[in-house]
Amino acid sequence: MNFTSQDISIIERALQAAIGSEKESSRVRDYREVLGKLKENADLALDVPASVVSGELDGIRYDYDDSSDLL
């Protein structure tokens, strides 16, 4: 699943709101753990090289201009 920076921001705010409103310490601990993982992994997920995003590394290229020669 691919998350945008906006998605990650929304999830982060939701976790922070849950931490602020939760009374049970075990749930607060769980939310903090997930929030920490989100922050660690979000930096890695959003720091994708432009070549990967643009598809330069997919290894497949089609040259549709030459297909008219076959007719």
PDB file of N, CA and C in Angstrom:
ATOM      1  N   MET A   1       0.842  -1.160   0.000  1.00  0.00           N
ATOM      2  CA  MET A   1       0.000   0.000   0.000  1.00  0.00           C
ATOM      3  C   MET A   1       0.897   1.236   0.000  1.00  0.00           C
ATOM      4  N   ASN A   2       0.583   2.172  -0.860  1.00  0.00           N
ATOM      5  CA  ASN A   2       1.380   3.393  -0.941  1.00  0.00           C
ATOM      6  C   ASN A   2       0.657   4.534  -0.236  1.00  0.00           C
ATOM      7  N   PHE A   3       1.350   5.175   0.683  1.00  0.00           N
ATOM      8  CA  PHE A   3       0.799   6.312   1.407  1.00  0.00           C
ATOM      9  C   PHE A   3       1.456   7.586   0.913  1.00  0.00           C
ATOM     10  N   THR A   4       0.670   8.636   0.793  1.00  0.00           N
ATOM     11  CA  THR A   4       1.219   9.947   0.469  1.00  0.00           C
ATOM     12  C   THR A   4       1.630  10.632   1.768  1.00  0.00           C
ATOM     13  N   SER A   5       2.331  11.733   1.636  1.00  0.00           N
ATOM     14  CA  SER A   5       2.722  12.483   2.832  1.00  0.00           C
ATOM     15  C   SER A   5       1.489  12.988   3.576  1.00  0.00           C
ATOM     16  N   GLN A   6       0.429  13.293   2.840  1.00  0.00           N
ATOM     17  CA  GLN A   6      -0.810  13.742   3.479  1.00  0.00           C
ATOM     18  C   GLN A   6      -1.449  12.596   4.273  1.00  0.00           C
ATOM     19  N   ASP A   7      -1.444  11.395   3.709  1.00  0.00           N
ATOM     20  CA  ASP A   7      -1.978  10.228   4.424  1.00  0.00           C
ATOM     21  C   ASP A   7      -1.231  10.007   5.731  1.00  0.00           C
ATOM     22  N   ILE A   8       0.076  10.062   5.660  1.00  0.00           N
ATOM     23  CA  ILE A   8       0.910   9.839   6.842  1.00  0.00           C
ATOM     24  C   ILE A   8       0.646  10.909   7.893  1.00  0.00           C
ATOM     25  N   SER A   9       0.479  12.136   7.451  1.00  0.00           N
ATOM     26  CA  SER A   9       0.190  13.232   8.375  1.00  0.00           C
ATOM     27  C   SER A   9      -1.148  13.016   9.085  1.00  0.00           C
ATOM     28  N   ILE A  10      -2.138  12.561   8.354  1.00  0.00           N
ATOM     29  CA  ILE A  10      -3.458  12.307   8.943  1.00  0.00           C
ATOM     30  C   ILE A  10      -3.387  11.171   9.963  1.00  0.00           C
ATOM     31  N   ILE A  11      -2.689  10.100   9.614  1.00  0.00           N
ATOM     32  CA  ILE A  11      -2.543   8.972  10.540  1.00  0.00           C
ATOM     33  C   ILE A  11      -1.793   9.407  11.790  1.00  0.00           C
ATOM     34  N   GLU A  12      -0.756  10.215  11.601  1.00  0.00           N
ATOM     35  CA  GLU A  12       0.021  10.707  12.741  1.00  0.00           C
ATOM     36  C   GLU A  12      -0.848  11.542  13.676  1.00  0.00           C
ATOM     37  N   ARG A  13      -1.652  12.440  13.112  1.00  0.00           N
ATOM     38  CA  ARG A  13      -2.539  13.272  13.937  1.00  0.00           C
ATOM     39  C   ARG A  13      -3.579  12.420  14.664  1.00  0.00           C
ATOM     40  N   ALA A  14      -4.092  11.396  13.991  1.00  0.00           N
ATOM     41  CA  ALA A  14      -5.081  10.516  14.622  1.00  0.00           C
ATOM     42  C   ALA A  14      -4.470   9.758  15.796  1.00  0.00           C
ATOM     43  N   LEU A  15      -3.247   9.283  15.616  1.00  0.00           N
ATOM     44  CA  LEU A  15      -2.574   8.581  16.714  1.00  0.00           C
ATOM     45  C   LEU A  15      -2.296   9.526  17.875  1.00  0.00           C
ATOM     46  N   GLN A  16      -1.882  10.750  17.580  1.00  0.00           N
ATOM     47  CA  GLN A  16      -1.624  11.720  18.647  1.00  0.00           C
ATOM     48  C   GLN A  16      -2.909  12.063  19.395  1.00  0.00           C
ATOM     49  N   ALA A  17      -4.020  12.175  18.667  1.00  0.00           N
ATOM     50  CA  ALA A  17      -5.305  12.443  19.316  1.00  0.00           C
ATOM     51  C   ALA A  17      -5.716  11.264  20.195  1.00  0.00           C
ATOM     52  N   ALA A  18      -5.489  10.055  19.701  1.00  0.00           N
ATOM     53  CA  ALA A  18      -5.817   8.858  20.485  1.00  0.00           C
ATOM     54  C   ALA A  18      -4.966   8.782  21.744  1.00  0.00           C
ATOM     55  N   ILE A  19      -3.694   9.138  21.627  1.00  0.00           N
ATOM     56  CA  ILE A  19      -2.803   9.143  22.796  1.00  0.00           C
ATOM     57  C   ILE A  19      -3.296  10.150  23.828  1.00  0.00           C
ATOM     58  N   GLY A  20      -3.729  11.310  23.356  1.00  0.00           N
ATOM     59  CA  GLY A  20      -4.196  12.355  24.262  1.00  0.00           C
ATOM     60  C   GLY A  20      -5.509  12.046  24.949  1.00  0.00           C
ATOM     61  N   SER A  21      -6.343  11.222  24.313  1.00  0.00           N
ATOM     62  CA  SER A  21      -7.664  10.960  24.890  1.00  0.00           C
ATOM     63  C   SER A  21      -7.783   9.604  25.585  1.00  0.00           C
ATOM     64  N   GLU A  22      -6.818   8.743  25.376  1.00  0.00           N
ATOM     65  CA  GLU A  22      -6.882   7.388  25.952  1.00  0.00           C
ATOM     66  C   GLU A  22      -6.488   7.401  27.429  1.00  0.00           C
ATOM     67  N   LYS A  23      -7.243   6.684  28.229  1.00  0.00           N
ATOM     68  CA  LYS A  23      -6.970   6.608  29.671  1.00  0.00           C
ATOM     69  C   LYS A  23      -6.176   5.359  30.040  1.00  0.00           C
ATOM     70  N   GLU A  24      -6.289   4.320  29.235  1.00  0.00           N
ATOM     71  CA  GLU A  24      -5.625   3.052  29.542  1.00  0.00           C
ATOM     72  C   GLU A  24      -4.168   3.107  29.088  1.00  0.00           C
ATOM     73  N   SER A  25      -3.258   2.907  30.038  1.00  0.00           N
ATOM     74  CA  SER A  25      -1.832   3.078  29.748  1.00  0.00           C
ATOM     75  C   SER A  25      -1.292   2.082  28.726  1.00  0.00           C
ATOM     76  N   SER A  26      -1.839   0.870  28.694  1.00  0.00           N
ATOM     77  CA  SER A  26      -1.342  -0.115  27.720  1.00  0.00           C
ATOM     78  C   SER A  26      -1.693   0.296  26.292  1.00  0.00           C
ATOM     79  N   ARG A  27      -2.859   0.893  26.118  1.00  0.00           N
ATOM     80  CA  ARG A  27      -3.234   1.372  24.780  1.00  0.00           C
ATOM     81  C   ARG A  27      -2.396   2.578  24.378  1.00  0.00           C
ATOM     82  N   VAL A  28      -2.141   3.461  25.327  1.00  0.00           N
ATOM     83  CA  VAL A  28      -1.288   4.619  25.044  1.00  0.00           C
ATOM     84  C   VAL A  28       0.090   4.141  24.611  1.00  0.00           C
ATOM     85  N   ARG A  29       0.603   3.153  25.292  1.00  0.00           N
ATOM     86  CA  ARG A  29       1.912   2.589  24.943  1.00  0.00           C
ATOM     87  C   ARG A  29       1.884   1.999  23.522  1.00  0.00           C
ATOM     88  N   ASP A  30       0.807   1.282  23.201  1.00  0.00           N
ATOM     89  CA  ASP A  30       0.664   0.711  21.857  1.00  0.00           C
ATOM     90  C   ASP A  30       0.611   1.808  20.792  1.00  0.00           C
ATOM     91  N   TYR A  31      -0.174   2.855  21.059  1.00  0.00           N
ATOM     92  CA  TYR A  31      -0.284   3.957  20.098  1.00  0.00           C
ATOM     93  C   TYR A  31       1.062   4.650  19.903  1.00  0.00           C
ATOM     94  N   ARG A  32       1.792   4.846  20.995  1.00  0.00           N
ATOM     95  CA  ARG A  32       3.111   5.485  20.889  1.00  0.00           C
ATOM     96  C   ARG A  32       4.083   4.617  20.085  1.00  0.00           C
ATOM     97  N   GLU A  33       3.999   3.318  20.278  1.00  0.00           N
ATOM     98  CA  GLU A  33       4.864   2.400  19.531  1.00  0.00           C
ATOM     99  C   GLU A  33       4.563   2.482  18.026  1.00  0.00           C
ATOM    100  N   VAL A  34       3.284   2.476  17.692  1.00  0.00           N
ATOM    101  CA  VAL A  34       2.894   2.574  16.283  1.00  0.00           C
ATOM    102  C   VAL A  34       3.297   3.929  15.711  1.00  0.00           C
ATOM    103  N   LEU A  35       3.123   4.984  16.484  1.00  0.00           N
ATOM    104  CA  LEU A  35       3.513   6.314  16.033  1.00  0.00           C
ATOM    105  C   LEU A  35       5.013   6.387  15.782  1.00  0.00           C
ATOM    106  N   GLY A  36       5.791   5.790  16.658  1.00  0.00           N
ATOM    107  CA  GLY A  36       7.241   5.758  16.461  1.00  0.00           C
ATOM    108  C   GLY A  36       7.624   5.012  15.194  1.00  0.00           C
ATOM    109  N   LYS A  37       6.986   3.870  14.960  1.00  0.00           N
ATOM    110  CA  LYS A  37       7.249   3.102  13.737  1.00  0.00           C
ATOM    111  C   LYS A  37       6.849   3.899  12.503  1.00  0.00           C
ATOM    112  N   LEU A  38       5.716   4.580  12.598  1.00  0.00           N
ATOM    113  CA  LEU A  38       5.244   5.384  11.472  1.00  0.00           C
ATOM    114  C   LEU A  38       6.252   6.466  11.122  1.00  0.00           C
ATOM    115  N   LYS A  39       6.756   7.153  12.145  1.00  0.00           N
ATOM    116  CA  LYS A  39       7.723   8.223  11.899  1.00  0.00           C
ATOM    117  C   LYS A  39       9.011   7.675  11.299  1.00  0.00           C
ATOM    118  N   GLU A  40       9.481   6.527  11.785  1.00  0.00           N
ATOM    119  CA  GLU A  40      10.701   5.919  11.240  1.00  0.00           C
ATOM    120  C   GLU A  40      10.514   5.516   9.784  1.00  0.00           C
ATOM    121  N   ASN A  41       9.425   4.823   9.514  1.00  0.00           N
ATOM    122  CA  ASN A  41       9.201   4.284   8.179  1.00  0.00           C
ATOM    123  C   ASN A  41       8.701   5.323   7.189  1.00  0.00           C
ATOM    124  N   ALA A  42       8.052   6.372   7.678  1.00  0.00           N
ATOM    125  CA  ALA A  42       7.549   7.403   6.778  1.00  0.00           C
ATOM    126  C   ALA A  42       8.701   8.122   6.102  1.00  0.00           C
ATOM    127  N   ASP A  43       9.760   8.386   6.840  1.00  0.00           N
ATOM    128  CA  ASP A  43      10.917   9.055   6.245  1.00  0.00           C
ATOM    129  C   ASP A  43      11.518   8.209   5.133  1.00  0.00           C
ATOM    130  N   LEU A  44      11.584   6.913   5.344  1.00  0.00           N
ATOM    131  CA  LEU A  44      12.124   6.018   4.320  1.00  0.00           C
ATOM    132  C   LEU A  44      11.182   5.916   3.130  1.00  0.00           C
ATOM    133  N   ALA A  45       9.891   5.818   3.390  1.00  0.00           N
ATOM    134  CA  ALA A  45       8.918   5.663   2.314  1.00  0.00           C
ATOM    135  C   ALA A  45       8.824   6.904   1.448  1.00  0.00           C
ATOM    136  N   LEU A  46       8.961   8.069   2.057  1.00  0.00           N
ATOM    137  CA  LEU A  46       8.840   9.308   1.296  1.00  0.00           C
ATOM    138  C   LEU A  46      10.151   9.715   0.649  1.00  0.00           C
ATOM    139  N   ASP A  47      11.237   9.045   0.988  1.00  0.00           N
ATOM    140  CA  ASP A  47      12.543   9.363   0.425  1.00  0.00           C
ATOM    141  C   ASP A  47      12.888   8.368  -0.691  1.00  0.00           C
ATOM    142  N   VAL A  48      11.951   8.203  -1.632  1.00  0.00           N
ATOM    143  CA  VAL A  48      12.145   7.284  -2.753  1.00  0.00           C
ATOM    144  C   VAL A  48      12.842   8.045  -3.873  1.00  0.00           C
ATOM    145  N   PRO A  49      13.894   7.465  -4.454  1.00  0.00           N
ATOM    146  CA  PRO A  49      14.590   8.144  -5.550  1.00  0.00           C
ATOM    147  C   PRO A  49      13.651   8.442  -6.716  1.00  0.00           C
ATOM    148  N   ALA A  50      13.872   9.555  -7.383  1.00  0.00           N
ATOM    149  CA  ALA A  50      13.022   9.973  -8.496  1.00  0.00           C
ATOM    150  C   ALA A  50      13.026   8.948  -9.620  1.00  0.00           C
ATOM    151  N   SER A  51      14.137   8.250  -9.818  1.00  0.00           N
ATOM    152  CA  SER A  51      14.207   7.261 -10.891  1.00  0.00           C
ATOM    153  C   SER A  51      13.241   6.104 -10.650  1.00  0.00           C
ATOM    154  N   VAL A  52      13.014   5.752  -9.403  1.00  0.00           N
ATOM    155  CA  VAL A  52      12.079   4.677  -9.091  1.00  0.00           C
ATOM    156  C   VAL A  52      10.652   5.154  -9.304  1.00  0.00           C
ATOM    157  N   VAL A  53      10.363   6.375  -8.869  1.00  0.00           N
ATOM    158  CA  VAL A  53       9.024   6.924  -9.016  1.00  0.00           C
ATOM    159  C   VAL A  53       8.662   7.075 -10.482  1.00  0.00           C
ATOM    160  N   SER A  54       9.605   7.508 -11.314  1.00  0.00           N
ATOM    161  CA  SER A  54       9.318   7.734 -12.725  1.00  0.00           C
ATOM    162  C   SER A  54       9.323   6.450 -13.537  1.00  0.00           C
ATOM    163  N   GLY A  55       9.725   5.341 -12.951  1.00  0.00           N
ATOM    164  CA  GLY A  55       9.706   4.074 -13.648  1.00  0.00           C
ATOM    165  C   GLY A  55      10.930   3.792 -14.482  1.00  0.00           C
ATOM    166  N   GLU A  56      12.000   4.511 -14.285  1.00  0.00           N
ATOM    167  CA  GLU A  56      13.200   4.312 -15.083  1.00  0.00           C
ATOM    168  C   GLU A  56      13.844   2.957 -14.841  1.00  0.00           C
ATOM    169  N   LEU A  57      13.575   2.331 -13.733  1.00  0.00           N
ATOM    170  CA  LEU A  57      14.233   1.083 -13.393  1.00  0.00           C
ATOM    171  C   LEU A  57      13.364  -0.143 -13.656  1.00  0.00           C
ATOM    172  N   ASP A  58      12.268   0.006 -14.404  1.00  0.00           N
ATOM    173  CA  ASP A  58      11.396  -1.147 -14.601  1.00  0.00           C
ATOM    174  C   ASP A  58      11.933  -2.142 -15.617  1.00  0.00           C
ATOM    175  N   GLY A  59      12.874  -1.753 -16.478  1.00  0.00           N
ATOM    176  CA  GLY A  59      13.518  -2.679 -17.396  1.00  0.00           C
ATOM    177  C   GLY A  59      12.726  -3.006 -18.637  1.00  0.00           C
ATOM    178  N   ILE A  60      11.539  -2.484 -18.810  1.00  0.00           N
ATOM    179  CA  ILE A  60      10.726  -2.773 -19.989  1.00  0.00           C
ATOM    180  C   ILE A  60      10.506  -1.480 -20.761  1.00  0.00           C
ATOM    181  N   ARG A  61      10.826  -1.532 -22.034  1.00  0.00           N
ATOM    182  CA  ARG A  61      10.614  -0.372 -22.899  1.00  0.00           C
ATOM    183  C   ARG A  61       9.916  -0.836 -24.171  1.00  0.00           C
ATOM    184  N   TYR A  62       8.928  -0.110 -24.600  1.00  0.00           N
ATOM    185  CA  TYR A  62       8.223  -0.419 -25.834  1.00  0.00           C
ATOM    186  C   TYR A  62       8.398   0.749 -26.790  1.00  0.00           C
ATOM    187  N   ASP A  63       8.700   0.434 -28.031  1.00  0.00           N
ATOM    188  CA  ASP A  63       8.847   1.467 -29.050  1.00  0.00           C
ATOM    189  C   ASP A  63       7.677   1.332 -30.013  1.00  0.00           C
ATOM    190  N   TYR A  64       6.618   2.055 -29.756  1.00  0.00           N
ATOM    191  CA  TYR A  64       5.410   1.933 -30.555  1.00  0.00           C
ATOM    192  C   TYR A  64       5.546   2.592 -31.927  1.00  0.00           C
ATOM    193  N   ASP A  65       6.510   3.459 -32.111  1.00  0.00           N
ATOM    194  CA  ASP A  65       6.693   4.131 -33.397  1.00  0.00           C
ATOM    195  C   ASP A  65       7.070   3.155 -34.504  1.00  0.00           C
ATOM    196  N   ASP A  66       7.759   2.074 -34.187  1.00  0.00           N
ATOM    197  CA  ASP A  66       8.198   1.109 -35.196  1.00  0.00           C
ATOM    198  C   ASP A  66       7.102   0.138 -35.607  1.00  0.00           C
ATOM    199  N   SER A  67       6.012   0.084 -34.876  1.00  0.00           N
ATOM    200  CA  SER A  67       4.978  -0.900 -35.177  1.00  0.00           C
ATOM    201  C   SER A  67       4.303  -0.642 -36.517  1.00  0.00           C
ATOM    202  N   SER A  68       4.298   0.576 -37.018  1.00  0.00           N
ATOM    203  CA  SER A  68       3.674   0.873 -38.308  1.00  0.00           C
ATOM    204  C   SER A  68       4.452   0.257 -39.465  1.00  0.00           C
ATOM    205  N   ASP A  69       5.726  -0.062 -39.288  1.00  0.00           N
ATOM    206  CA  ASP A  69       6.532  -0.682 -40.338  1.00  0.00           C
ATOM    207  C   ASP A  69       6.082  -2.108 -40.625  1.00  0.00           C
ATOM    208  N   LEU A  70       5.401  -2.733 -39.706  1.00  0.00           N
ATOM    209  CA  LEU A  70       4.989  -4.117 -39.870  1.00  0.00           C
ATOM    210  C   LEU A  70       3.733  -4.257 -40.716  1.00  0.00           C
ATOM    211  N   LEU A  71       3.012  -3.184 -40.957  1.00  0.00           N
ATOM    212  CA  LEU A  71       1.751  -3.248 -41.710  1.00  0.00           C
ATOM    213  C   LEU A  71       1.946  -3.231 -43.184  1.00  0.00           C
TER     214      LEU A  71
END
